[in-house]
Amino acid sequence: MDIGIIGGADGPTSVFVSTSSDLWIYAAIAAVVVIVAVVLIIKKRRKK
């Protein structure tokens, strides 16, 4: 299975999975996306 993450510092991020897998892999990817979103929100609030 191949996973690709494409994104930039100022734009959206996409996660691509090339094959089907077990549910735990999707849960892990979702957890990473949520963690990144929370970190970005915290950084944005600190700038104000």
PDB file of N, CA and C in Angstrom:
ATOM      1  N   MET A   1       0.836  -1.168   0.000  1.00  0.00           N
ATOM      2  CA  MET A   1       0.000   0.000   0.000  1.00  0.00           C
ATOM      3  C   MET A   1       0.880   1.230   0.000  1.00  0.00           C
ATOM      4  N   ASP A   2       0.511   2.214  -0.789  1.00  0.00           N
ATOM      5  CA  ASP A   2       1.244   3.469  -0.855  1.00  0.00           C
ATOM      6  C   ASP A   2       0.357   4.607  -0.373  1.00  0.00           C
ATOM      7  N   ILE A   3       0.934   5.486   0.426  1.00  0.00           N
ATOM      8  CA  ILE A   3       0.237   6.668   0.911  1.00  0.00           C
ATOM      9  C   ILE A   3       1.046   7.876   0.486  1.00  0.00           C
ATOM     10  N   GLY A   4       0.390   8.850  -0.133  1.00  0.00           N
ATOM     11  CA  GLY A   4       1.047  10.085  -0.524  1.00  0.00           C
ATOM     12  C   GLY A   4       0.351  11.267   0.113  1.00  0.00           C
ATOM     13  N   ILE A   5       1.128  12.186   0.651  1.00  0.00           N
ATOM     14  CA  ILE A   5       0.587  13.397   1.248  1.00  0.00           C
ATOM     15  C   ILE A   5       1.131  14.576   0.461  1.00  0.00           C
ATOM     16  N   ILE A   6       0.224  15.388  -0.076  1.00  0.00           N
ATOM     17  CA  ILE A   6       0.606  16.539  -0.876  1.00  0.00           C
ATOM     18  C   ILE A   6       0.038  17.775  -0.210  1.00  0.00           C
ATOM     19  N   GLY A   7       0.883  18.746   0.037  1.00  0.00           N
ATOM     20  CA  GLY A   7       0.396  19.979   0.648  1.00  0.00           C
ATOM     21  C   GLY A   7       1.496  21.001   0.761  1.00  0.00           C
ATOM     22  N   GLY A   8       1.088  22.201   1.080  1.00  0.00           N
ATOM     23  CA  GLY A   8       2.037  23.286   1.250  1.00  0.00           C
ATOM     24  C   GLY A   8       1.768  24.038   2.532  1.00  0.00           C
ATOM     25  N   ALA A   9       2.645  24.975   2.832  1.00  0.00           N
ATOM     26  CA  ALA A   9       2.515  25.747   4.062  1.00  0.00           C
ATOM     27  C   ALA A   9       1.306  26.674   4.037  1.00  0.00           C
ATOM     28  N   ASP A  10       0.901  27.103   2.860  1.00  0.00           N
ATOM     29  CA  ASP A  10      -0.194  28.070   2.784  1.00  0.00           C
ATOM     30  C   ASP A  10      -1.416  27.547   2.028  1.00  0.00           C
ATOM     31  N   GLY A  11      -1.488  26.265   1.795  1.00  0.00           N
ATOM     32  CA  GLY A  11      -2.613  25.722   1.026  1.00  0.00           C
ATOM     33  C   GLY A  11      -3.159  24.455   1.645  1.00  0.00           C
ATOM     34  N   PRO A  12      -4.156  23.877   1.005  1.00  0.00           N
ATOM     35  CA  PRO A  12      -4.757  22.647   1.530  1.00  0.00           C
ATOM     36  C   PRO A  12      -3.819  21.437   1.394  1.00  0.00           C
ATOM     37  N   THR A  13      -4.077  20.436   2.200  1.00  0.00           N
ATOM     38  CA  THR A  13      -3.286  19.214   2.173  1.00  0.00           C
ATOM     39  C   THR A  13      -4.188  18.057   1.771  1.00  0.00           C
ATOM     40  N   SER A  14      -3.680  17.180   0.901  1.00  0.00           N
ATOM     41  CA  SER A  14      -4.434  16.024   0.449  1.00  0.00           C
ATOM     42  C   SER A  14      -3.678  14.752   0.804  1.00  0.00           C
ATOM     43  N   VAL A  15      -4.441  13.720   1.154  1.00  0.00           N
ATOM     44  CA  VAL A  15      -3.860  12.419   1.453  1.00  0.00           C
ATOM     45  C   VAL A  15      -4.407  11.432   0.435  1.00  0.00           C
ATOM     46  N   PHE A  16      -3.520  10.744  -0.274  1.00  0.00           N
ATOM     47  CA  PHE A  16      -3.915   9.782  -1.292  1.00  0.00           C
ATOM     48  C   PHE A  16      -3.498   8.377  -0.865  1.00  0.00           C
ATOM     49  N   VAL A  17      -4.428   7.419  -0.952  1.00  0.00           N
ATOM     50  CA  VAL A  17      -4.152   6.027  -0.650  1.00  0.00           C
ATOM     51  C   VAL A  17      -4.352   5.246  -1.938  1.00  0.00           C
ATOM     52  N   SER A  18      -3.325   4.489  -2.354  1.00  0.00           N
ATOM     53  CA  SER A  18      -3.365   3.849  -3.664  1.00  0.00           C
ATOM     54  C   SER A  18      -4.086   2.501  -3.671  1.00  0.00           C
ATOM     55  N   THR A  19      -4.240   1.865  -2.519  1.00  0.00           N
ATOM     56  CA  THR A  19      -4.937   0.584  -2.478  1.00  0.00           C
ATOM     57  C   THR A  19      -5.876   0.553  -1.279  1.00  0.00           C
ATOM     58  N   SER A  20      -6.815  -0.366  -1.304  1.00  0.00           N
ATOM     59  CA  SER A  20      -7.707  -0.494  -0.158  1.00  0.00           C
ATOM     60  C   SER A  20      -6.973  -1.203   0.980  1.00  0.00           C
ATOM     61  N   SER A  21      -7.326  -0.872   2.202  1.00  0.00           N
ATOM     62  CA  SER A  21      -6.655  -1.438   3.357  1.00  0.00           C
ATOM     63  C   SER A  21      -7.638  -1.656   4.493  1.00  0.00           C
ATOM     64  N   ASP A  22      -7.067  -1.990   5.623  1.00  0.00           N
ATOM     65  CA  ASP A  22      -7.884  -2.199   6.810  1.00  0.00           C
ATOM     66  C   ASP A  22      -8.363  -0.870   7.379  1.00  0.00           C
ATOM     67  N   LEU A  23      -9.345  -0.949   8.223  1.00  0.00           N
ATOM     68  CA  LEU A  23      -9.942   0.244   8.831  1.00  0.00           C
ATOM     69  C   LEU A  23      -8.960   1.007   9.703  1.00  0.00           C
ATOM     70  N   TRP A  24      -8.033   0.332  10.357  1.00  0.00           N
ATOM     71  CA  TRP A  24      -7.103   1.022  11.254  1.00  0.00           C
ATOM     72  C   TRP A  24      -6.212   1.997  10.520  1.00  0.00           C
ATOM     73  N   ILE A  25      -5.902   1.712   9.266  1.00  0.00           N
ATOM     74  CA  ILE A  25      -5.071   2.640   8.483  1.00  0.00           C
ATOM     75  C   ILE A  25      -5.842   3.925   8.203  1.00  0.00           C
ATOM     76  N   TYR A  26      -7.121   3.784   7.854  1.00  0.00           N
ATOM     77  CA  TYR A  26      -7.932   4.978   7.625  1.00  0.00           C
ATOM     78  C   TYR A  26      -8.089   5.778   8.914  1.00  0.00           C
ATOM     79  N   ALA A  27      -8.226   5.106  10.021  1.00  0.00           N
ATOM     80  CA  ALA A  27      -8.329   5.793  11.314  1.00  0.00           C
ATOM     81  C   ALA A  27      -7.030   6.531  11.636  1.00  0.00           C
ATOM     82  N   ALA A  28      -5.901   5.935  11.341  1.00  0.00           N
ATOM     83  CA  ALA A  28      -4.616   6.581  11.593  1.00  0.00           C
ATOM     84  C   ALA A  28      -4.450   7.823  10.720  1.00  0.00           C
ATOM     85  N   ILE A  29      -4.838   7.728   9.467  1.00  0.00           N
ATOM     86  CA  ILE A  29      -4.763   8.882   8.562  1.00  0.00           C
ATOM     87  C   ILE A  29      -5.685   9.993   9.052  1.00  0.00           C
ATOM     88  N   ALA A  30      -6.889   9.630   9.457  1.00  0.00           N
ATOM     89  CA  ALA A  30      -7.832  10.624   9.960  1.00  0.00           C
ATOM     90  C   ALA A  30      -7.285  11.294  11.223  1.00  0.00           C
ATOM     91  N   ALA A  31      -6.636  10.530  12.090  1.00  0.00           N
ATOM     92  CA  ALA A  31      -6.059  11.098  13.309  1.00  0.00           C
ATOM     93  C   ALA A  31      -4.953  12.090  12.974  1.00  0.00           C
ATOM     94  N   VAL A  32      -4.123  11.770  12.004  1.00  0.00           N
ATOM     95  CA  VAL A  32      -3.054  12.683  11.598  1.00  0.00           C
ATOM     96  C   VAL A  32      -3.646  13.972  11.033  1.00  0.00           C
ATOM     97  N   VAL A  33      -4.668  13.847  10.212  1.00  0.00           N
ATOM     98  CA  VAL A  33      -5.309  15.035   9.632  1.00  0.00           C
ATOM     99  C   VAL A  33      -5.907  15.907  10.732  1.00  0.00           C
ATOM    100  N   VAL A  34      -6.558  15.299  11.702  1.00  0.00           N
ATOM    101  CA  VAL A  34      -7.148  16.064  12.806  1.00  0.00           C
ATOM    102  C   VAL A  34      -6.060  16.751  13.621  1.00  0.00           C
ATOM    103  N   ILE A  35      -4.978  16.066  13.908  1.00  0.00           N
ATOM    104  CA  ILE A  35      -3.885  16.656  14.684  1.00  0.00           C
ATOM    105  C   ILE A  35      -3.286  17.845  13.938  1.00  0.00           C
ATOM    106  N   VAL A  36      -3.062  17.697  12.650  1.00  0.00           N
ATOM    107  CA  VAL A  36      -2.515  18.805  11.853  1.00  0.00           C
ATOM    108  C   VAL A  36      -3.481  19.987  11.865  1.00  0.00           C
ATOM    109  N   ALA A  37      -4.766  19.728  11.722  1.00  0.00           N
ATOM    110  CA  ALA A  37      -5.760  20.807  11.735  1.00  0.00           C
ATOM    111  C   ALA A  37      -5.753  21.533  13.076  1.00  0.00           C
ATOM    112  N   VAL A  38      -5.690  20.801  14.175  1.00  0.00           N
ATOM    113  CA  VAL A  38      -5.673  21.419  15.506  1.00  0.00           C
ATOM    114  C   VAL A  38      -4.420  22.275  15.678  1.00  0.00           C
ATOM    115  N   VAL A  39      -3.280  21.782  15.256  1.00  0.00           N
ATOM    116  CA  VAL A  39      -2.038  22.546  15.368  1.00  0.00           C
ATOM    117  C   VAL A  39      -2.130  23.838  14.557  1.00  0.00           C
ATOM    118  N   LEU A  40      -2.662  23.765  13.350  1.00  0.00           N
ATOM    119  CA  LEU A  40      -2.799  24.959  12.522  1.00  0.00           C
ATOM    120  C   LEU A  40      -3.764  25.965  13.135  1.00  0.00           C
ATOM    121  N   ILE A  41      -4.850  25.494  13.715  1.00  0.00           N
ATOM    122  CA  ILE A  41      -5.811  26.390  14.364  1.00  0.00           C
ATOM    123  C   ILE A  41      -5.168  27.071  15.569  1.00  0.00           C
ATOM    124  N   ILE A  42      -4.419  26.326  16.359  1.00  0.00           N
ATOM    125  CA  ILE A  42      -3.750  26.907  17.531  1.00  0.00           C
ATOM    126  C   ILE A  42      -2.740  27.970  17.092  1.00  0.00           C
ATOM    127  N   LYS A  43      -1.962  27.690  16.060  1.00  0.00           N
ATOM    128  CA  LYS A  43      -0.984  28.658  15.567  1.00  0.00           C
ATOM    129  C   LYS A  43      -1.674  29.921  15.053  1.00  0.00           C
ATOM    130  N   LYS A  44      -2.790  29.750  14.376  1.00  0.00           N
ATOM    131  CA  LYS A  44      -3.513  30.893  13.820  1.00  0.00           C
ATOM    132  C   LYS A  44      -4.067  31.767  14.950  1.00  0.00           C
ATOM    133  N   ARG A  45      -4.564  31.172  16.006  1.00  0.00           N
ATOM    134  CA  ARG A  45      -5.117  31.941  17.143  1.00  0.00           C
ATOM    135  C   ARG A  45      -4.029  32.674  17.913  1.00  0.00           C
ATOM    136  N   ARG A  46      -2.833  32.121  17.984  1.00  0.00           N
ATOM    137  CA  ARG A  46      -1.730  32.773  18.703  1.00  0.00           C
ATOM    138  C   ARG A  46      -1.258  34.022  17.987  1.00  0.00           C
ATOM    139  N   LYS A  47      -1.391  34.071  16.663  1.00  0.00           N
ATOM    140  CA  LYS A  47      -0.938  35.229  15.880  1.00  0.00           C
ATOM    141  C   LYS A  47      -1.796  36.459  16.149  1.00  0.00           C
ATOM    142  N   LYS A  48      -3.045  36.272  16.550  1.00  0.00           N
ATOM    143  CA  LYS A  48      -3.959  37.409  16.752  1.00  0.00           C
ATOM    144  C   LYS A  48      -3.640  38.185  17.993  1.00  0.00           C
TER     145      LYS A  48
END
